[in-house]
Amino acid sequence: MSTSSFESLNLDEFSLENPVNSSAGRRSRLVYLSRDSAHFAEVEDLFNKGWRHGKKARPHIQGIFKILWPDSNLEPYLQYRNQVQARIRARNEAGNEKLLFHGTNRACLLGESSRNILLCGLKECYLCSILRASFDVKKCGTKNAFKRFGHGIYTSACSSKADDYSCNLSQDACLRTLLVNRVVVGRPYKRYRNAPDLVKPPDGFDSVSSSLFNNHLLTSLQITGEIGWDLNHEETVCYTNDAVRPAYLVVYGHKPKDSPKPSFKTLMSMLFKTPLVS
C-alpha cells in the first residue's frame, strides 16, 4: 500500500488534507464532481427523490461540488459523531449520520460554473459564511424570525422544502444552490406540533451537551419534525454546531440559452440602420 493510500485511510473523506481530494497537486475547498462519479449519482438521487412539492417543477441539476474542510474544522464533528454512534450501538439502533438539505442566501456567483469556486467576503452572503466556518446556532433566525422548533440549525430530506429558503441576492445569478449536509441525527425526539420556544430536546436522547440542567447532563441536541398538523414536510433541527457539516453544494435550475450570434449581414444592417440587398 502506498503512503498516500495509507494516509487517506486515516483521514475523513471530506478532509482537505486527504490525498484523494487533490487534483494535479492542487487543493480547493470546492471540488467539481463529474457526472459519472458515484458521489454525483448519490446526491442527484437524494435531490430528485426529495423534491416532493407537486406544484414546483423539479429543476435540472447543473453541477455538484464536494465541500472539503481543514481537519481542525472536521475534528469536533467527527468526535461528536463517534460519541453518538457509541450510544446508538449500545441501544442497537440504526441511523446516525444523514445527508440533509439546507437553503440560504447567496450574494455572489459561487457555483454558477465549474470555475466559480472562490468564497466571497460579502456580509450578506450566508452561503459563503457557512462554507467558510460551517453553521453557527447563534445566527439561527438571522433570515427567518419564525423558528418552528426553536433556536437551532434546520435541515430537511425534502429538497423542494429547502429550496423555499434558497435566495439569490445577485441579479447576475441564473442558477440556485442548496447545501447537502452531513447531520448527526442520533435518536431523534419527534414532534407533530410547532414548538418555537425549544432550545433543546427533552432528556434521554443520543447526543450529549455540556450544559447542566437539574444537576445532570442534558442529552440529545436534535429534533425531528414529523409530518403532522403543523408540518407538511419533515425537518431536522440540531442545537449544537458540532452536529452538522456541509458536504456538497448542489447547483440547479435552467441556464438561459445563449442568444444566437447575428450574421455579418445583420450586424451591418444594425450598424447603418439600412436594409442590405440580398
C-alpha atoms as a PDB file:
ATOM      1  CA  MET A   1       0.000   0.000   0.000  1.00  0.00           C
ATOM      2  CA  SER A   2       1.360   3.428  -0.937  1.00  0.00           C
ATOM      3  CA  THR A   3       1.953   6.158   1.636  1.00  0.00           C
ATOM      4  CA  SER A   4      -0.885   8.225   0.137  1.00  0.00           C
ATOM      5  CA  SER A   5      -3.300   5.306   0.353  1.00  0.00           C
ATOM      6  CA  PHE A   6      -2.327   4.643   3.972  1.00  0.00           C
ATOM      7  CA  GLU A   7      -2.741   8.314   4.900  1.00  0.00           C
ATOM      8  CA  SER A   8      -6.136   8.532   3.219  1.00  0.00           C
ATOM      9  CA  LEU A   9      -7.433   5.654   5.365  1.00  0.00           C
ATOM     10  CA  ASN A  10      -6.838   7.766   8.473  1.00  0.00           C
ATOM     11  CA  LEU A  11      -8.348  10.951   7.088  1.00  0.00           C
ATOM     12  CA  ASP A  12     -12.003  11.800   6.707  1.00  0.00           C
ATOM     13  CA  GLU A  13     -13.444  11.576   3.209  1.00  0.00           C
ATOM     14  CA  PHE A  14     -14.150  15.321   3.275  1.00  0.00           C
ATOM     15  CA  SER A  15     -10.753  16.312   4.650  1.00  0.00           C
ATOM     16  CA  LEU A  16      -8.827  18.924   2.714  1.00  0.00           C
ATOM     17  CA  GLU A  17      -5.672  17.035   3.693  1.00  0.00           C
ATOM     18  CA  ASN A  18      -6.819  13.721   2.227  1.00  0.00           C
ATOM     19  CA  PRO A  19      -4.669  12.931  -0.847  1.00  0.00           C
ATOM     20  CA  VAL A  20      -7.679  11.521  -2.705  1.00  0.00           C
ATOM     21  CA  ASN A  21      -9.122  15.041  -2.809  1.00  0.00           C
ATOM     22  CA  SER A  22      -6.152  16.660  -4.522  1.00  0.00           C
ATOM     23  CA  SER A  23      -6.133  17.233  -8.252  1.00  0.00           C
ATOM     24  CA  ALA A  24      -2.801  17.616 -10.038  1.00  0.00           C
ATOM     25  CA  GLY A  25      -1.256  18.692  -6.740  1.00  0.00           C
ATOM     26  CA  ARG A  26      -3.842  21.440  -6.223  1.00  0.00           C
ATOM     27  CA  ARG A  27      -6.319  21.566  -3.355  1.00  0.00           C
ATOM     28  CA  SER A  28      -9.512  23.562  -3.296  1.00  0.00           C
ATOM     29  CA  ARG A  29     -12.335  23.819  -0.783  1.00  0.00           C
ATOM     30  CA  LEU A  30     -14.844  23.032  -3.556  1.00  0.00           C
ATOM     31  CA  VAL A  31     -14.269  20.108  -5.913  1.00  0.00           C
ATOM     32  CA  TYR A  32     -16.439  19.876  -9.025  1.00  0.00           C
ATOM     33  CA  LEU A  33     -17.813  16.341  -9.433  1.00  0.00           C
ATOM     34  CA  SER A  34     -18.047  14.617 -12.787  1.00  0.00           C
ATOM     35  CA  ARG A  35     -21.485  13.331 -13.709  1.00  0.00           C
ATOM     36  CA  ASP A  36     -20.252   9.753 -13.834  1.00  0.00           C
ATOM     37  CA  SER A  37     -18.962   9.799 -10.242  1.00  0.00           C
ATOM     38  CA  ALA A  38     -20.678   7.780  -7.507  1.00  0.00           C
ATOM     39  CA  HIS A  39     -20.977  10.870  -5.294  1.00  0.00           C
ATOM     40  CA  PHE A  40     -22.768  12.802  -8.037  1.00  0.00           C
ATOM     41  CA  ALA A  41     -25.231   9.944  -8.527  1.00  0.00           C
ATOM     42  CA  GLU A  42     -25.900   9.689  -4.782  1.00  0.00           C
ATOM     43  CA  VAL A  43     -26.598  13.393  -4.307  1.00  0.00           C
ATOM     44  CA  GLU A  44     -28.626  13.642  -7.517  1.00  0.00           C
ATOM     45  CA  ASP A  45     -30.813  10.761  -6.333  1.00  0.00           C
ATOM     46  CA  LEU A  46     -31.367  12.426  -2.948  1.00  0.00           C
ATOM     47  CA  PHE A  47     -32.250  15.712  -4.648  1.00  0.00           C
ATOM     48  CA  ASN A  48     -34.706  14.159  -7.104  1.00  0.00           C
ATOM     49  CA  LYS A  49     -36.429  11.907  -4.555  1.00  0.00           C
ATOM     50  CA  GLY A  50     -36.565  14.764  -2.071  1.00  0.00           C
ATOM     51  CA  TRP A  51     -38.363  17.094  -4.499  1.00  0.00           C
ATOM     52  CA  ARG A  52     -41.883  16.492  -3.159  1.00  0.00           C
ATOM     53  CA  HIS A  53     -43.770  19.721  -3.853  1.00  0.00           C
ATOM     54  CA  GLY A  54     -46.045  18.719  -6.703  1.00  0.00           C
ATOM     55  CA  LYS A  55     -46.709  22.300  -7.774  1.00  0.00           C
ATOM     56  CA  LYS A  56     -42.995  23.057  -8.155  1.00  0.00           C
ATOM     57  CA  ALA A  57     -41.407  21.653 -11.300  1.00  0.00           C
ATOM     58  CA  ARG A  58     -38.288  19.716 -10.411  1.00  0.00           C
ATOM     59  CA  PRO A  59     -35.274  21.609 -11.766  1.00  0.00           C
ATOM     60  CA  HIS A  60     -32.269  20.168 -13.541  1.00  0.00           C
ATOM     61  CA  ILE A  61     -29.006  19.780 -11.649  1.00  0.00           C
ATOM     62  CA  GLN A  62     -26.302  21.781 -13.408  1.00  0.00           C
ATOM     63  CA  GLY A  63     -23.437  20.793 -11.129  1.00  0.00           C
ATOM     64  CA  ILE A  64     -22.455  19.337  -7.769  1.00  0.00           C
ATOM     65  CA  PHE A  65     -19.413  20.335  -5.732  1.00  0.00           C
ATOM     66  CA  LYS A  66     -17.850  18.305  -2.938  1.00  0.00           C
ATOM     67  CA  ILE A  67     -17.019  20.509   0.053  1.00  0.00           C
ATOM     68  CA  LEU A  68     -13.678  19.920   1.765  1.00  0.00           C
ATOM     69  CA  TRP A  69     -12.702  21.030   5.269  1.00  0.00           C
ATOM     70  CA  PRO A  70      -9.487  21.539   7.226  1.00  0.00           C
ATOM     71  CA  ASP A  71      -9.025  18.807   9.816  1.00  0.00           C
ATOM     72  CA  SER A  72      -9.297  21.403  12.588  1.00  0.00           C
ATOM     73  CA  ASN A  73     -12.884  22.063  11.482  1.00  0.00           C
ATOM     74  CA  LEU A  74     -13.788  18.405  10.940  1.00  0.00           C
ATOM     75  CA  GLU A  75     -12.405  17.100  14.240  1.00  0.00           C
ATOM     76  CA  PRO A  76     -15.204  18.430  16.517  1.00  0.00           C
ATOM     77  CA  TYR A  77     -17.822  16.979  14.165  1.00  0.00           C
ATOM     78  CA  LEU A  78     -16.148  13.566  13.972  1.00  0.00           C
ATOM     79  CA  GLN A  79     -15.692  13.386  17.747  1.00  0.00           C
ATOM     80  CA  TYR A  80     -19.340  14.276  18.269  1.00  0.00           C
ATOM     81  CA  ARG A  81     -20.431  11.668  15.711  1.00  0.00           C
ATOM     82  CA  ASN A  82     -18.347   8.979  17.408  1.00  0.00           C
ATOM     83  CA  GLN A  83     -19.912   9.760  20.781  1.00  0.00           C
ATOM     84  CA  VAL A  84     -23.406   9.496  19.347  1.00  0.00           C
ATOM     85  CA  GLN A  85     -22.594   6.357  17.390  1.00  0.00           C
ATOM     86  CA  ALA A  86     -21.316   4.637  20.532  1.00  0.00           C
ATOM     87  CA  ARG A  87     -24.615   5.312  22.275  1.00  0.00           C
ATOM     88  CA  ILE A  88     -26.651   4.140  19.288  1.00  0.00           C
ATOM     89  CA  ARG A  89     -24.754   0.852  19.074  1.00  0.00           C
ATOM     90  CA  ALA A  90     -25.374   0.253  22.766  1.00  0.00           C
ATOM     91  CA  ARG A  91     -29.113   0.530  22.106  1.00  0.00           C
ATOM     92  CA  ASN A  92     -28.924  -1.463  18.882  1.00  0.00           C
ATOM     93  CA  GLU A  93     -30.447   1.421  16.906  1.00  0.00           C
ATOM     94  CA  ALA A  94     -29.520   2.268  13.322  1.00  0.00           C
ATOM     95  CA  GLY A  95     -29.216   5.714  11.818  1.00  0.00           C
ATOM     96  CA  ASN A  96     -26.504   8.065  12.893  1.00  0.00           C
ATOM     97  CA  GLU A  97     -25.433  10.318  10.058  1.00  0.00           C
ATOM     98  CA  LYS A  98     -27.751  11.503   7.274  1.00  0.00           C
ATOM     99  CA  LEU A  99     -27.391  13.768   4.254  1.00  0.00           C
ATOM    100  CA  LEU A 100     -29.951  16.574   4.572  1.00  0.00           C
ATOM    101  CA  PHE A 101     -30.633  19.798   2.651  1.00  0.00           C
ATOM    102  CA  HIS A 102     -30.395  23.436   3.715  1.00  0.00           C
ATOM    103  CA  GLY A 103     -31.210  26.542   1.673  1.00  0.00           C
ATOM    104  CA  THR A 104     -29.855  30.012   2.382  1.00  0.00           C
ATOM    105  CA  ASN A 105     -28.920  33.381   0.827  1.00  0.00           C
ATOM    106  CA  ARG A 106     -26.243  33.616  -1.858  1.00  0.00           C
ATOM    107  CA  ALA A 107     -24.991  37.105  -2.710  1.00  0.00           C
ATOM    108  CA  CYS A 108     -22.238  36.056  -5.111  1.00  0.00           C
ATOM    109  CA  LEU A 109     -21.966  33.746  -8.117  1.00  0.00           C
ATOM    110  CA  LEU A 110     -20.379  30.787  -6.341  1.00  0.00           C
ATOM    111  CA  GLY A 111     -21.069  27.599  -8.281  1.00  0.00           C
ATOM    112  CA  GLU A 112     -22.549  29.287 -11.364  1.00  0.00           C
ATOM    113  CA  SER A 113     -19.855  27.466 -13.326  1.00  0.00           C
ATOM    114  CA  SER A 114     -17.244  24.839 -12.501  1.00  0.00           C
ATOM    115  CA  ARG A 115     -14.693  27.665 -12.246  1.00  0.00           C
ATOM    116  CA  ASN A 116     -16.637  29.780  -9.738  1.00  0.00           C
ATOM    117  CA  ILE A 117     -15.218  28.184  -6.591  1.00  0.00           C
ATOM    118  CA  LEU A 118     -13.816  31.097  -4.561  1.00  0.00           C
ATOM    119  CA  LEU A 119     -15.749  32.127  -1.454  1.00  0.00           C
ATOM    120  CA  CYS A 120     -16.752  35.781  -1.324  1.00  0.00           C
ATOM    121  CA  GLY A 121     -16.444  38.119   1.640  1.00  0.00           C
ATOM    122  CA  LEU A 122     -19.880  39.726   1.383  1.00  0.00           C
ATOM    123  CA  LYS A 123     -21.577  40.004   4.763  1.00  0.00           C
ATOM    124  CA  GLU A 124     -24.989  39.227   3.293  1.00  0.00           C
ATOM    125  CA  CYS A 125     -23.767  36.019   1.605  1.00  0.00           C
ATOM    126  CA  TYR A 126     -24.802  33.421   4.161  1.00  0.00           C
ATOM    127  CA  LEU A 127     -23.762  30.611   1.828  1.00  0.00           C
ATOM    128  CA  CYS A 128     -20.099  31.597   1.789  1.00  0.00           C
ATOM    129  CA  SER A 129     -20.207  32.298   5.519  1.00  0.00           C
ATOM    130  CA  ILE A 130     -21.416  28.747   6.174  1.00  0.00           C
ATOM    131  CA  LEU A 131     -18.866  27.291   3.778  1.00  0.00           C
ATOM    132  CA  ARG A 132     -16.095  29.230   5.477  1.00  0.00           C
ATOM    133  CA  ALA A 133     -16.748  28.098   9.062  1.00  0.00           C
ATOM    134  CA  SER A 134     -19.834  25.814   8.978  1.00  0.00           C
ATOM    135  CA  PHE A 135     -23.105  26.533  10.804  1.00  0.00           C
ATOM    136  CA  ASP A 136     -23.480  28.668  13.908  1.00  0.00           C
ATOM    137  CA  VAL A 137     -26.524  28.117  16.132  1.00  0.00           C
ATOM    138  CA  LYS A 138     -26.152  31.666  17.462  1.00  0.00           C
ATOM    139  CA  LYS A 139     -27.003  33.001  14.000  1.00  0.00           C
ATOM    140  CA  CYS A 140     -30.218  30.994  13.767  1.00  0.00           C
ATOM    141  CA  GLY A 141     -33.131  33.249  12.861  1.00  0.00           C
ATOM    142  CA  THR A 142     -30.995  35.840  11.072  1.00  0.00           C
ATOM    143  CA  LYS A 143     -33.028  35.251   7.919  1.00  0.00           C
ATOM    144  CA  ASN A 144     -36.364  33.977   9.276  1.00  0.00           C
ATOM    145  CA  ALA A 145     -37.864  35.245  12.514  1.00  0.00           C
ATOM    146  CA  PHE A 146     -40.220  32.266  12.923  1.00  0.00           C
ATOM    147  CA  LYS A 147     -38.465  29.172  14.234  1.00  0.00           C
ATOM    148  CA  ARG A 148     -40.813  26.185  14.232  1.00  0.00           C
ATOM    149  CA  PHE A 149     -38.757  24.171  16.703  1.00  0.00           C
ATOM    150  CA  GLY A 150     -36.854  26.949  18.388  1.00  0.00           C
ATOM    151  CA  HIS A 151     -33.289  28.152  18.089  1.00  0.00           C
ATOM    152  CA  GLY A 152     -31.295  25.618  16.057  1.00  0.00           C
ATOM    153  CA  ILE A 153     -29.876  24.557  12.693  1.00  0.00           C
ATOM    154  CA  TYR A 154     -32.646  23.454  10.318  1.00  0.00           C
ATOM    155  CA  THR A 155     -32.224  20.784   7.644  1.00  0.00           C
ATOM    156  CA  SER A 156     -34.589  18.554   5.680  1.00  0.00           C
ATOM    157  CA  ALA A 157     -34.622  15.466   3.472  1.00  0.00           C
ATOM    158  CA  CYS A 158     -37.117  17.398   1.316  1.00  0.00           C
ATOM    159  CA  SER A 159     -35.052  19.294  -1.254  1.00  0.00           C
ATOM    160  CA  SER A 160     -38.089  21.225  -2.506  1.00  0.00           C
ATOM    161  CA  LYS A 161     -38.718  22.478   1.044  1.00  0.00           C
ATOM    162  CA  ALA A 162     -35.100  23.601   1.421  1.00  0.00           C
ATOM    163  CA  ASP A 163     -35.451  25.326  -1.957  1.00  0.00           C
ATOM    164  CA  ASP A 164     -38.038  27.648  -0.384  1.00  0.00           C
ATOM    165  CA  TYR A 165     -35.204  29.146   1.667  1.00  0.00           C
ATOM    166  CA  SER A 166     -32.661  29.411  -1.153  1.00  0.00           C
ATOM    167  CA  CYS A 167     -32.362  33.006  -2.324  1.00  0.00           C
ATOM    168  CA  ASN A 168     -30.154  34.783  -4.870  1.00  0.00           C
ATOM    169  CA  LEU A 169     -29.282  38.353  -3.912  1.00  0.00           C
ATOM    170  CA  SER A 170     -27.247  38.962  -7.066  1.00  0.00           C
ATOM    171  CA  GLN A 171     -29.175  39.945 -10.188  1.00  0.00           C
ATOM    172  CA  ASP A 172     -26.467  38.237 -12.239  1.00  0.00           C
ATOM    173  CA  ALA A 173     -27.198  34.812 -10.751  1.00  0.00           C
ATOM    174  CA  CYS A 174     -29.020  32.462 -13.121  1.00  0.00           C
ATOM    175  CA  LEU A 175     -28.980  29.270 -11.044  1.00  0.00           C
ATOM    176  CA  ARG A 176     -29.937  28.292  -7.496  1.00  0.00           C
ATOM    177  CA  THR A 177     -27.969  26.494  -4.788  1.00  0.00           C
ATOM    178  CA  LEU A 178     -28.628  24.097  -1.918  1.00  0.00           C
ATOM    179  CA  LEU A 179     -26.274  22.711   0.683  1.00  0.00           C
ATOM    180  CA  VAL A 180     -26.296  18.969   1.336  1.00  0.00           C
ATOM    181  CA  ASN A 181     -25.090  18.436   4.883  1.00  0.00           C
ATOM    182  CA  ARG A 182     -23.793  15.598   6.989  1.00  0.00           C
ATOM    183  CA  VAL A 183     -26.066  15.630  10.019  1.00  0.00           C
ATOM    184  CA  VAL A 184     -25.610  13.537  13.152  1.00  0.00           C
ATOM    185  CA  VAL A 185     -29.237  12.622  13.763  1.00  0.00           C
ATOM    186  CA  GLY A 186     -28.805  10.087  16.541  1.00  0.00           C
ATOM    187  CA  ARG A 187     -32.067   9.142  18.256  1.00  0.00           C
ATOM    188  CA  PRO A 188     -34.496  11.955  17.377  1.00  0.00           C
ATOM    189  CA  TYR A 189     -37.203  13.371  19.575  1.00  0.00           C
ATOM    190  CA  LYS A 190     -40.260  13.561  17.306  1.00  0.00           C
ATOM    191  CA  ARG A 191     -42.854  16.323  17.325  1.00  0.00           C
ATOM    192  CA  TYR A 192     -46.007  16.904  15.349  1.00  0.00           C
ATOM    193  CA  ARG A 193     -46.779  20.441  16.537  1.00  0.00           C
ATOM    194  CA  ASN A 194     -44.866  23.710  16.456  1.00  0.00           C
ATOM    195  CA  ALA A 195     -42.679  24.356  19.478  1.00  0.00           C
ATOM    196  CA  PRO A 196     -40.955  27.710  18.839  1.00  0.00           C
ATOM    197  CA  ASP A 197     -39.695  28.043  22.412  1.00  0.00           C
ATOM    198  CA  LEU A 198     -37.495  24.948  22.258  1.00  0.00           C
ATOM    199  CA  VAL A 199     -33.793  25.380  22.896  1.00  0.00           C
ATOM    200  CA  LYS A 200     -33.045  21.665  23.350  1.00  0.00           C
ATOM    201  CA  PRO A 201     -34.931  18.360  23.195  1.00  0.00           C
ATOM    202  CA  PRO A 202     -36.147  16.512  26.294  1.00  0.00           C
ATOM    203  CA  ASP A 203     -33.726  14.478  28.334  1.00  0.00           C
ATOM    204  CA  GLY A 204     -32.919  10.920  27.307  1.00  0.00           C
ATOM    205  CA  PHE A 205     -31.713  11.093  23.702  1.00  0.00           C
ATOM    206  CA  ASP A 206     -28.494  10.291  21.903  1.00  0.00           C
ATOM    207  CA  SER A 207     -26.278  13.374  21.825  1.00  0.00           C
ATOM    208  CA  VAL A 208     -24.529  14.921  24.783  1.00  0.00           C
ATOM    209  CA  SER A 209     -24.469  18.583  25.758  1.00  0.00           C
ATOM    210  CA  SER A 210     -22.094  20.155  28.213  1.00  0.00           C
ATOM    211  CA  SER A 211     -24.978  22.202  29.602  1.00  0.00           C
ATOM    212  CA  LEU A 212     -26.237  21.225  33.047  1.00  0.00           C
ATOM    213  CA  PHE A 213     -29.934  21.036  33.869  1.00  0.00           C
ATOM    214  CA  ASN A 214     -31.454  19.613  37.082  1.00  0.00           C
ATOM    215  CA  ASN A 215     -27.946  18.521  38.089  1.00  0.00           C
ATOM    216  CA  HIS A 216     -27.409  16.140  35.183  1.00  0.00           C
ATOM    217  CA  LEU A 217     -26.145  16.385  31.632  1.00  0.00           C
ATOM    218  CA  LEU A 218     -28.801  17.060  29.042  1.00  0.00           C
ATOM    219  CA  THR A 219     -28.777  14.547  26.229  1.00  0.00           C
ATOM    220  CA  SER A 220     -29.853  14.864  22.601  1.00  0.00           C
ATOM    221  CA  LEU A 221     -29.310  18.049  20.705  1.00  0.00           C
ATOM    222  CA  GLN A 222     -31.542  17.145  17.780  1.00  0.00           C
ATOM    223  CA  ILE A 223     -35.259  17.100  16.997  1.00  0.00           C
ATOM    224  CA  THR A 224     -37.108  15.668  14.027  1.00  0.00           C
ATOM    225  CA  GLY A 225     -40.343  17.298  12.918  1.00  0.00           C
ATOM    226  CA  GLU A 226     -42.732  14.636  11.681  1.00  0.00           C
ATOM    227  CA  ILE A 227     -45.435  15.335   9.114  1.00  0.00           C
ATOM    228  CA  GLY A 228     -48.480  16.357  11.122  1.00  0.00           C
ATOM    229  CA  TRP A 229     -50.864  19.172  11.992  1.00  0.00           C
ATOM    230  CA  ASP A 230     -48.315  21.989  11.667  1.00  0.00           C
ATOM    231  CA  LEU A 231     -45.837  20.405   9.279  1.00  0.00           C
ATOM    232  CA  ASN A 232     -46.243  19.204   5.706  1.00  0.00           C
ATOM    233  CA  HIS A 233     -42.655  18.029   5.184  1.00  0.00           C
ATOM    234  CA  GLU A 234     -40.240  16.670   7.757  1.00  0.00           C
ATOM    235  CA  GLU A 235     -37.276  18.648   9.013  1.00  0.00           C
ATOM    236  CA  THR A 236     -34.460  18.032  11.420  1.00  0.00           C
ATOM    237  CA  VAL A 237     -33.170  20.599  13.900  1.00  0.00           C
ATOM    238  CA  CYS A 238     -29.800  20.418  15.640  1.00  0.00           C
ATOM    239  CA  TYR A 239     -28.877  22.544  18.617  1.00  0.00           C
ATOM    240  CA  THR A 240     -25.110  22.163  18.554  1.00  0.00           C
ATOM    241  CA  ASN A 241     -22.691  23.326  15.861  1.00  0.00           C
ATOM    242  CA  ASP A 242     -20.766  20.055  16.037  1.00  0.00           C
ATOM    243  CA  ALA A 243     -23.742  18.044  14.722  1.00  0.00           C
ATOM    244  CA  VAL A 244     -23.635  19.458  11.172  1.00  0.00           C
ATOM    245  CA  ARG A 245     -21.056  19.918   8.418  1.00  0.00           C
ATOM    246  CA  PRO A 246     -21.820  20.879   4.791  1.00  0.00           C
ATOM    247  CA  ALA A 247     -20.772  18.075   2.426  1.00  0.00           C
ATOM    248  CA  TYR A 248     -21.981  19.067  -1.056  1.00  0.00           C
ATOM    249  CA  LEU A 249     -23.176  22.149  -2.899  1.00  0.00           C
ATOM    250  CA  VAL A 250     -25.905  21.450  -5.459  1.00  0.00           C
ATOM    251  CA  VAL A 251     -26.317  23.968  -8.277  1.00  0.00           C
ATOM    252  CA  TYR A 252     -29.590  23.663 -10.150  1.00  0.00           C
ATOM    253  CA  GLY A 253     -32.032  25.451 -12.423  1.00  0.00           C
ATOM    254  CA  HIS A 254     -32.226  26.281 -16.100  1.00  0.00           C
ATOM    255  CA  LYS A 255     -29.369  28.130 -17.706  1.00  0.00           C
ATOM    256  CA  PRO A 256     -30.517  30.852 -20.105  1.00  0.00           C
ATOM    257  CA  LYS A 257     -29.980  29.878 -23.698  1.00  0.00           C
ATOM    258  CA  ASP A 258     -27.210  31.773 -25.419  1.00  0.00           C
ATOM    259  CA  SER A 259     -28.615  34.182 -27.956  1.00  0.00           C
ATOM    260  CA  PRO A 260     -27.554  33.205 -31.495  1.00  0.00           C
ATOM    261  CA  LYS A 261     -24.781  35.379 -32.846  1.00  0.00           C
ATOM    262  CA  PRO A 262     -26.081  37.748 -35.514  1.00  0.00           C
ATOM    263  CA  SER A 263     -24.784  37.246 -39.030  1.00  0.00           C
ATOM    264  CA  PHE A 264     -22.450  39.728 -40.697  1.00  0.00           C
ATOM    265  CA  LYS A 265     -25.352  40.981 -42.798  1.00  0.00           C
ATOM    266  CA  THR A 266     -27.457  41.606 -39.683  1.00  0.00           C
ATOM    267  CA  LEU A 267     -24.606  43.386 -37.929  1.00  0.00           C
ATOM    268  CA  MET A 268     -24.075  45.710 -40.871  1.00  0.00           C
ATOM    269  CA  SER A 269     -27.789  46.362 -41.099  1.00  0.00           C
ATOM    270  CA  MET A 270     -27.936  47.254 -37.405  1.00  0.00           C
ATOM    271  CA  LEU A 271     -24.856  49.421 -37.722  1.00  0.00           C
ATOM    272  CA  PHE A 272     -26.121  51.509 -40.630  1.00  0.00           C
ATOM    273  CA  LYS A 273     -29.840  51.006 -39.871  1.00  0.00           C
ATOM    274  CA  THR A 274     -30.494  50.309 -43.524  1.00  0.00           C
ATOM    275  CA  PRO A 275     -31.561  47.045 -45.127  1.00  0.00           C
ATOM    276  CA  LEU A 276     -28.944  45.239 -47.147  1.00  0.00           C
ATOM    277  CA  VAL A 277     -29.761  43.808 -50.542  1.00  0.00           C
ATOM    278  CA  SER A 278     -29.662  40.030 -50.630  1.00  0.00           C
END
